[in-house]
Amino acid sequence: MQLQLPEPSTDALAASRSLQHLIADEIRRSDGWISFARYMELVLYAPGLGYYSGGATKLGKEGDFTTAPEISPLFGATLAHLATELFDQTDAAIMEFGAGTGKLAFDILSELRDAGRLPTHYFIVEISTQLRARQQETLRDFPQVRWLDSLPPSFSGVVIGNEVLDAMPVQLVVRGEQAWLERGVALDAAGAFAYVDRPCDGSLVAQIPDAEELAVGYLTEVHPIAVGFMQSLGTMLQNGKGAALLFDYGFPAHEYYLHERGQGTLMCHYRHHSHSDPFYLPGLQDVTAHVDFTAMAKAAIDGGLDVFGYTSQAAFLLGAGIGDLLLRTSPEQSRAYLPQSNAVQKLISPAEMGELFKVLAVGKNVDWPARLHAHDRTHRL
């Protein structure tokens, strides 16, 4: 497949080739085959070379994709106001996973500072050295921020993960003639990456409803790493108290594993172009998959948490008060109001992010605000 995409720089190409050699060497050391999850882990997180651990710009106009905080500061402001409600029941602390450029943390902290409700701590769990350095520059005026390499054993407060679950490596499975197979990565005769299927443990497809009824050749993703993360989140909050908000694109299981979605949801993002070839320029493009929110909710419950709600991003933001925050700028001040209004429309419009993105709220020992139960879709998980 020849992709007509923008050419990377000479240095970027050299970095991608180095990563390809690293992955090829691991495949040879692993009897000629690695799981797709391991391949995805390397292309995203290999030290110094992976997509999130290298030096290229990832987010915004100059990067490969744009996230909600990059669209409007009102996204963070809305979460800040919800956090202040929850602070009355928990410690006044926030933990964010995968904070990107630091823009969401900056918007939340700025809003809380204006409201006189700054948290005692704002923890960021970030494994990318390059992104952590960028966050430290963005957040230099907020001494409350602390960076963590992993989850602490306990936490009390508000947890936020915006487009975190979709960046966790997935395993690929395909329905064979006799049984399900795991699709991994090997090297072809020319030394290029190629898919190769192997028998898999039946437990790998346990999250797929009615797996044996799907057609031969049906290809999809399963999410054991994200499931493990949700269970760890449960342990952390079980030992403390609080609520976790997870924003991402995905579906409940009965929509994820439709007969019609027979080639999965794996997608790559490069310079605001989307395509489906994960072997293209390893390390220079994002590789993601939609989230199975049913599996995430079950894992949270298995970890001892309660599911507070599951709904669209539009319903969540409107219920949490983004409309009121927009009206802090008078519509009569059109030069200031219209750009903010247009940005909010991107966040809530069904044709933009409003319906594609969902919000899963889980936690322990807190009362979830009643107004956020409107338009709840937990029954569809």
Protein backbone atom coordinates (compact mmCIF):
# COMPACT_ATOMS: atom_id res chain seq x y z
CA MET A 1 0.00 0.00 0.00
CA GLN A 2 1.43 3.37 -1.01
CA LEU A 3 0.35 6.17 1.29
CA GLN A 4 0.43 9.71 -0.06
CA LEU A 5 1.38 11.52 3.12
CA PRO A 6 3.68 14.48 3.92
CA GLU A 7 7.38 13.62 3.83
CA PRO A 8 9.18 13.63 7.18
CA SER A 9 12.51 15.33 7.73
CA THR A 10 15.81 13.53 7.20
CA ASP A 11 16.37 13.31 10.98
CA ALA A 12 12.88 11.94 11.54
CA LEU A 13 13.39 9.29 8.87
CA ALA A 14 16.68 8.29 10.46
CA ALA A 15 14.98 7.94 13.85
CA SER A 16 12.24 5.79 12.29
CA ARG A 17 14.83 3.53 10.66
CA SER A 18 16.61 3.13 13.99
CA LEU A 19 13.34 2.08 15.60
CA GLN A 20 12.63 -0.35 12.77
CA HIS A 21 16.03 -1.99 13.36
CA LEU A 22 15.35 -2.19 17.11
CA ILE A 23 11.98 -3.87 16.53
CA ALA A 24 13.40 -6.23 13.88
CA ASP A 25 16.14 -7.30 16.30
CA GLU A 26 13.55 -8.06 18.98
CA ILE A 27 11.50 -10.11 16.52
CA ARG A 28 14.59 -12.18 15.65
CA ARG A 29 15.36 -12.72 19.34
CA SER A 30 11.73 -13.79 19.93
CA ASP A 31 11.73 -16.74 17.53
CA GLY A 32 10.56 -14.57 14.65
CA TRP A 33 7.30 -13.26 16.13
CA ILE A 34 6.07 -10.68 18.64
CA SER A 35 2.52 -9.83 19.66
CA PHE A 36 0.96 -6.76 18.11
CA ALA A 37 0.70 -5.31 21.62
CA ARG A 38 4.49 -5.51 21.95
CA TYR A 39 4.93 -3.94 18.50
CA MET A 40 2.54 -1.12 19.43
CA GLU A 41 4.35 -0.62 22.75
CA LEU A 42 7.68 -0.23 20.95
CA VAL A 43 6.45 2.13 18.22
CA LEU A 44 4.79 4.35 20.81
CA TYR A 45 7.09 4.13 23.82
CA ALA A 46 10.56 2.77 22.94
CA PRO A 47 13.00 5.07 24.83
CA GLY A 48 14.08 7.99 22.67
CA LEU A 49 12.56 6.57 19.49
CA GLY A 50 8.90 5.76 20.12
CA TYR A 51 6.15 8.15 19.10
CA TYR A 52 5.51 9.41 22.62
CA SER A 53 9.11 9.21 23.80
CA GLY A 54 10.77 10.90 20.81
CA GLY A 55 11.10 14.61 20.21
CA ALA A 56 8.51 15.32 17.52
CA THR A 57 5.52 17.59 18.11
CA LYS A 58 2.45 15.43 18.69
CA LEU A 59 -0.48 17.74 19.36
CA GLY A 60 -2.09 20.78 17.79
CA LYS A 61 -1.81 22.29 14.35
CA GLU A 62 1.87 21.37 13.98
CA GLY A 63 1.37 17.82 15.21
CA ASP A 64 -0.64 14.82 14.14
CA PHE A 65 -3.95 15.29 15.92
CA THR A 66 -5.83 17.74 18.15
CA THR A 67 -7.35 16.94 21.53
CA ALA A 68 -10.23 18.63 23.36
CA PRO A 69 -8.00 20.81 25.61
CA GLU A 70 -6.24 22.15 22.49
CA ILE A 71 -9.62 23.21 21.08
CA SER A 72 -10.93 25.26 24.01
CA PRO A 73 -9.82 26.23 27.53
CA LEU A 74 -13.47 25.83 28.54
CA PHE A 75 -12.97 22.05 28.47
CA GLY A 76 -10.52 22.33 31.35
CA ALA A 77 -12.55 25.05 33.05
CA THR A 78 -15.57 22.74 33.09
CA LEU A 79 -13.56 19.96 34.72
CA ALA A 80 -12.19 22.45 37.25
CA HIS A 81 -15.69 23.40 38.43
CA LEU A 82 -16.69 19.75 38.73
CA ALA A 83 -13.50 19.09 40.70
CA THR A 84 -14.38 21.78 43.24
CA GLU A 85 -17.68 19.99 43.92
CA LEU A 86 -15.88 16.71 44.47
CA PHE A 87 -13.20 18.33 46.65
CA ASP A 88 -15.91 18.74 49.29
CA GLN A 89 -15.98 14.93 49.56
CA THR A 90 -12.32 14.05 48.92
CA ASP A 91 -8.88 15.54 49.34
CA ALA A 92 -8.35 18.66 47.22
CA ALA A 93 -6.03 16.84 44.82
CA ILE A 94 -6.05 15.99 41.12
CA MET A 95 -4.18 13.27 39.23
CA GLU A 96 -3.93 13.39 35.44
CA PHE A 97 -2.68 10.58 33.24
CA GLY A 98 -0.85 11.36 30.01
CA ALA A 99 -1.05 15.15 30.21
CA GLY A 100 0.20 15.82 26.67
CA THR A 101 1.43 19.37 26.33
CA GLY A 102 0.15 20.28 29.80
CA LYS A 103 -2.62 22.40 28.30
CA LEU A 104 -5.45 20.66 30.19
CA ALA A 105 -3.60 20.93 33.50
CA PHE A 106 -2.88 24.61 32.80
CA ASP A 107 -6.54 25.36 32.06
CA ILE A 108 -7.78 23.47 35.12
CA LEU A 109 -5.26 25.09 37.44
CA SER A 110 -5.85 28.57 36.00
CA GLU A 111 -9.60 28.23 36.55
CA LEU A 112 -9.10 26.92 40.09
CA ARG A 113 -6.69 29.75 40.87
CA ASP A 114 -9.24 32.32 39.68
CA ALA A 115 -11.85 30.64 41.90
CA GLY A 116 -9.53 30.58 44.91
CA ARG A 117 -9.71 26.75 45.01
CA LEU A 118 -6.24 25.60 43.98
CA PRO A 119 -5.62 21.96 44.92
CA THR A 120 -2.94 20.95 47.37
CA HIS A 121 -1.41 18.74 44.67
CA TYR A 122 -1.82 18.21 40.94
CA PHE A 123 -0.10 14.94 40.11
CA ILE A 124 0.79 14.05 36.52
CA VAL A 125 1.62 10.46 35.60
CA GLU A 126 3.73 10.80 32.46
CA ILE A 127 6.11 8.24 30.97
CA SER A 128 7.31 10.45 28.08
CA THR A 129 10.44 12.40 29.04
CA GLN A 130 9.91 14.78 26.12
CA LEU A 131 6.29 15.54 27.01
CA ARG A 132 7.16 15.86 30.71
CA ALA A 133 9.72 18.55 29.85
CA ARG A 134 7.11 20.41 27.82
CA GLN A 135 4.61 20.13 30.68
CA GLN A 136 7.16 21.47 33.16
CA GLU A 137 7.63 24.56 31.02
CA THR A 138 3.87 25.08 30.56
CA LEU A 139 3.14 24.63 34.28
CA ARG A 140 6.15 26.42 35.76
CA ASP A 141 3.90 28.91 37.61
CA PHE A 142 2.05 26.19 39.51
CA PRO A 143 4.14 24.72 42.34
CA GLN A 144 1.30 22.29 43.15
CA VAL A 145 2.30 20.12 40.18
CA ARG A 146 4.26 16.94 40.83
CA TRP A 147 5.25 14.30 38.30
CA LEU A 148 4.94 10.57 38.95
CA ASP A 149 6.32 7.61 37.03
CA SER A 150 3.57 5.22 38.13
CA LEU A 151 0.37 4.97 40.16
CA PRO A 152 0.76 5.50 43.91
CA PRO A 153 -0.70 2.78 46.19
CA SER A 154 -3.52 5.10 47.27
CA PHE A 155 -5.04 8.41 46.23
CA SER A 156 -7.92 10.60 47.33
CA GLY A 157 -9.21 13.20 44.89
CA VAL A 158 -10.14 13.57 41.23
CA VAL A 159 -8.49 11.47 38.50
CA ILE A 160 -8.55 12.60 34.85
CA GLY A 161 -7.55 10.68 31.74
CA ASN A 162 -8.17 12.38 28.39
CA GLU A 163 -7.40 10.07 25.45
CA VAL A 164 -5.27 7.77 27.59
CA LEU A 165 -6.99 4.41 27.13
CA ASP A 166 -6.82 4.54 23.32
CA ALA A 167 -3.01 4.87 23.47
CA MET A 168 -2.57 1.67 25.47
CA PRO A 169 -1.28 -1.24 23.36
CA VAL A 170 -3.90 -3.68 22.11
CA GLN A 171 -3.68 -7.27 20.98
CA LEU A 172 -5.16 -8.30 17.64
CA VAL A 173 -7.25 -11.44 17.28
CA VAL A 174 -8.78 -12.96 14.18
CA ARG A 175 -11.41 -15.68 13.83
CA GLY A 176 -9.84 -18.71 12.17
CA GLU A 177 -11.49 -21.71 10.56
CA GLN A 178 -11.28 -23.76 13.76
CA ALA A 179 -10.50 -21.26 16.52
CA TRP A 180 -9.47 -17.71 17.30
CA LEU A 181 -5.89 -16.74 16.41
CA GLU A 182 -3.64 -13.98 17.68
CA ARG A 183 -2.25 -11.72 14.95
CA GLY A 184 1.32 -10.68 15.65
CA VAL A 185 4.24 -9.16 13.79
CA ALA A 186 7.05 -11.00 12.00
CA LEU A 187 9.53 -10.22 9.21
CA ASP A 188 8.90 -11.18 5.58
CA ALA A 189 11.55 -12.42 3.14
CA ALA A 190 12.62 -8.83 2.44
CA GLY A 191 12.94 -8.00 6.15
CA ALA A 192 9.79 -5.84 6.24
CA PHE A 193 7.18 -6.09 8.99
CA ALA A 194 4.31 -8.46 8.21
CA TYR A 195 1.32 -9.89 10.04
CA VAL A 196 1.48 -13.55 11.05
CA ASP A 197 -1.28 -15.39 12.93
CA ARG A 198 -0.70 -17.90 15.72
CA PRO A 199 -3.00 -19.93 18.00
CA CYS A 200 -4.08 -17.95 21.03
CA ASP A 201 -5.29 -18.65 24.54
CA GLY A 202 -9.09 -18.62 24.61
CA SER A 203 -9.04 -16.17 27.53
CA LEU A 204 -7.74 -13.49 25.17
CA VAL A 205 -11.15 -13.23 23.49
CA ALA A 206 -13.18 -13.41 26.72
CA GLN A 207 -14.21 -9.74 26.42
CA ILE A 208 -15.85 -10.34 23.02
CA PRO A 209 -19.60 -11.09 23.39
CA ASP A 210 -20.70 -14.15 21.39
CA ALA A 211 -17.19 -14.53 20.00
CA GLU A 212 -17.90 -17.92 18.44
CA GLU A 213 -20.74 -16.48 16.36
CA LEU A 214 -18.50 -14.05 14.46
CA ALA A 215 -17.51 -14.93 10.91
CA VAL A 216 -14.24 -16.55 9.89
CA GLY A 217 -11.79 -13.75 9.11
CA TYR A 218 -13.29 -11.33 11.64
CA LEU A 219 -10.43 -9.16 12.96
CA THR A 220 -10.61 -7.02 16.07
CA GLU A 221 -8.70 -5.70 19.08
CA VAL A 222 -8.77 -6.78 22.70
CA HIS A 223 -7.50 -4.60 25.53
CA PRO A 224 -5.77 -6.53 28.34
CA ILE A 225 -3.38 -3.67 29.15
CA ALA A 226 -6.18 -1.11 29.51
CA VAL A 227 -8.15 -3.63 31.56
CA GLY A 228 -5.15 -4.01 33.87
CA PHE A 229 -4.89 -0.24 34.16
CA MET A 230 -8.53 0.05 35.21
CA GLN A 231 -8.07 -2.65 37.84
CA SER A 232 -4.98 -0.81 39.16
CA LEU A 233 -7.01 2.39 39.27
CA GLY A 234 -9.51 0.48 41.37
CA THR A 235 -6.86 -0.59 43.83
CA MET A 236 -5.55 2.97 44.12
CA LEU A 237 -8.98 4.50 44.77
CA GLN A 238 -10.08 1.60 46.98
CA ASN A 239 -7.25 2.59 49.30
CA GLY A 240 -8.37 6.23 49.16
CA LYS A 241 -11.50 7.80 47.74
CA GLY A 242 -12.45 9.80 44.71
CA ALA A 243 -13.72 9.82 41.14
CA ALA A 244 -11.99 9.08 37.85
CA LEU A 245 -13.09 10.66 34.55
CA LEU A 246 -11.98 8.92 31.37
CA PHE A 247 -12.59 10.63 28.02
CA ASP A 248 -12.03 8.66 24.83
CA TYR A 249 -13.53 7.43 21.61
CA GLY A 250 -15.07 4.01 21.68
CA PHE A 251 -18.19 1.93 22.12
CA PRO A 252 -19.88 -0.49 24.51
CA ALA A 253 -19.05 -4.11 23.67
CA HIS A 254 -22.28 -4.84 21.77
CA GLU A 255 -21.46 -1.97 19.40
CA TYR A 256 -17.70 -2.56 19.30
CA TYR A 257 -17.92 -6.16 18.11
CA LEU A 258 -20.58 -5.75 15.46
CA HIS A 259 -20.57 -8.21 12.57
CA GLU A 260 -20.18 -5.21 10.26
CA ARG A 261 -17.01 -4.01 12.03
CA GLY A 262 -15.03 -6.96 10.76
CA GLN A 263 -11.64 -5.29 10.38
CA GLY A 264 -11.41 -3.69 13.81
CA THR A 265 -10.86 -0.07 14.76
CA LEU A 266 -7.07 0.27 14.62
CA MET A 267 -6.12 3.68 13.24
CA CYS A 268 -2.94 5.69 12.68
CA HIS A 269 -2.56 9.47 12.73
CA TYR A 270 0.19 11.33 10.90
CA ARG A 271 0.15 15.08 10.23
CA HIS A 272 -3.65 15.21 10.58
CA HIS A 273 -4.06 12.35 8.10
CA SER A 274 -5.69 9.11 9.24
CA HIS A 275 -4.95 5.67 7.79
CA SER A 276 -4.80 2.04 8.89
CA ASP A 277 -1.19 0.94 8.27
CA PRO A 278 0.72 0.61 11.58
CA PHE A 279 3.91 -0.33 9.73
CA TYR A 280 4.20 3.08 8.06
CA LEU A 281 7.08 5.16 9.48
CA PRO A 282 7.25 3.50 12.92
CA GLY A 283 7.79 6.05 15.66
CA LEU A 284 6.57 8.99 13.57
CA GLN A 285 2.84 8.31 13.73
CA ASP A 286 0.31 7.66 16.45
CA VAL A 287 -1.27 4.20 16.57
CA THR A 288 -4.58 3.89 18.42
CA ALA A 289 -7.67 1.73 18.78
CA HIS A 290 -11.16 2.55 19.97
CA VAL A 291 -11.98 1.70 23.57
CA ASP A 292 -14.29 -1.13 24.63
CA PHE A 293 -16.03 0.76 27.44
CA THR A 294 -17.86 -2.34 28.64
CA ALA A 295 -14.53 -4.03 29.32
CA MET A 296 -13.27 -0.89 31.08
CA ALA A 297 -16.36 -0.65 33.30
CA LYS A 298 -16.18 -4.35 34.21
CA ALA A 299 -12.49 -4.01 35.06
CA ALA A 300 -13.26 -1.02 37.29
CA ILE A 301 -15.93 -3.05 39.09
CA ASP A 302 -13.51 -5.98 39.43
CA GLY A 303 -11.10 -3.47 40.99
CA GLY A 304 -13.69 -2.54 43.60
CA LEU A 305 -15.00 0.68 42.06
CA ASP A 306 -18.51 1.88 41.32
CA VAL A 307 -19.57 3.04 37.86
CA PHE A 308 -20.99 6.54 38.33
CA GLY A 309 -21.90 7.14 34.71
CA TYR A 310 -21.22 6.59 31.03
CA THR A 311 -22.38 9.10 28.44
CA SER A 312 -21.36 11.11 25.40
CA GLN A 313 -18.86 13.93 25.74
CA ALA A 314 -21.57 16.37 24.66
CA ALA A 315 -24.01 15.28 27.37
CA PHE A 316 -21.29 15.28 30.00
CA LEU A 317 -19.93 18.74 29.19
CA LEU A 318 -23.38 20.29 28.96
CA GLY A 319 -24.43 18.68 32.22
CA ALA A 320 -21.21 19.82 33.89
CA GLY A 321 -21.91 23.43 32.90
CA ILE A 322 -19.81 24.29 29.86
CA GLY A 323 -22.71 26.38 28.50
CA ASP A 324 -22.73 28.58 31.61
CA LEU A 325 -18.97 29.08 31.36
CA LEU A 326 -19.29 30.10 27.72
CA LEU A 327 -21.83 32.76 28.71
CA ARG A 328 -19.28 34.45 30.95
CA THR A 329 -18.44 36.15 27.65
CA SER A 330 -21.45 38.09 26.41
CA PRO A 331 -22.76 37.04 22.96
CA GLU A 332 -22.93 40.75 22.20
CA GLN A 333 -19.14 40.84 22.31
CA SER A 334 -19.06 38.91 19.05
CA ARG A 335 -15.31 39.18 18.44
CA ALA A 336 -14.59 37.42 21.74
CA TYR A 337 -17.70 35.24 21.94
CA LEU A 338 -17.87 33.68 18.47
CA PRO A 339 -14.45 31.93 18.53
CA GLN A 340 -15.27 30.45 21.95
CA SER A 341 -18.74 29.41 20.80
CA ASN A 342 -17.32 27.74 17.68
CA ALA A 343 -14.77 25.86 19.78
CA VAL A 344 -17.45 24.63 22.19
CA GLN A 345 -19.49 23.48 19.19
CA LYS A 346 -16.57 21.26 18.12
CA LEU A 347 -16.55 19.70 21.57
CA ILE A 348 -20.29 18.99 21.73
CA SER A 349 -21.53 18.71 18.14
CA PRO A 350 -22.57 15.17 17.12
CA ALA A 351 -20.80 15.81 13.81
CA GLU A 352 -17.53 16.63 15.62
CA MET A 353 -16.39 15.26 19.01
CA GLY A 354 -19.67 15.35 20.91
CA GLU A 355 -20.92 11.87 20.05
CA LEU A 356 -17.73 10.09 18.98
CA PHE A 357 -16.13 10.71 22.37
CA LYS A 358 -17.57 9.13 25.49
CA VAL A 359 -17.00 9.71 29.20
CA LEU A 360 -16.75 6.90 31.73
CA ALA A 361 -16.90 7.99 35.36
CA VAL A 362 -15.91 5.52 38.08
CA GLY A 363 -14.87 5.88 41.69
CA LYS A 364 -15.40 5.07 45.32
CA ASN A 365 -16.95 6.70 48.38
CA VAL A 366 -18.22 9.87 46.68
CA ASP A 367 -21.71 11.00 45.66
CA TRP A 368 -21.84 11.73 41.94
CA PRO A 369 -23.65 15.02 41.12
CA ALA A 370 -27.30 14.29 40.31
CA ARG A 371 -27.37 16.56 37.26
CA LEU A 372 -24.77 14.32 35.57
CA HIS A 373 -27.15 11.38 35.63
CA ALA A 374 -29.19 13.01 32.85
CA HIS A 375 -28.66 11.23 29.51
CA ASP A 376 -26.69 8.47 31.26
CA ARG A 377 -26.00 5.39 29.10
CA THR A 378 -24.64 3.02 31.73
CA HIS A 379 -27.47 0.61 30.89
CA ARG A 380 -25.96 0.22 27.41
CA LEU A 381 -22.60 -1.02 28.65
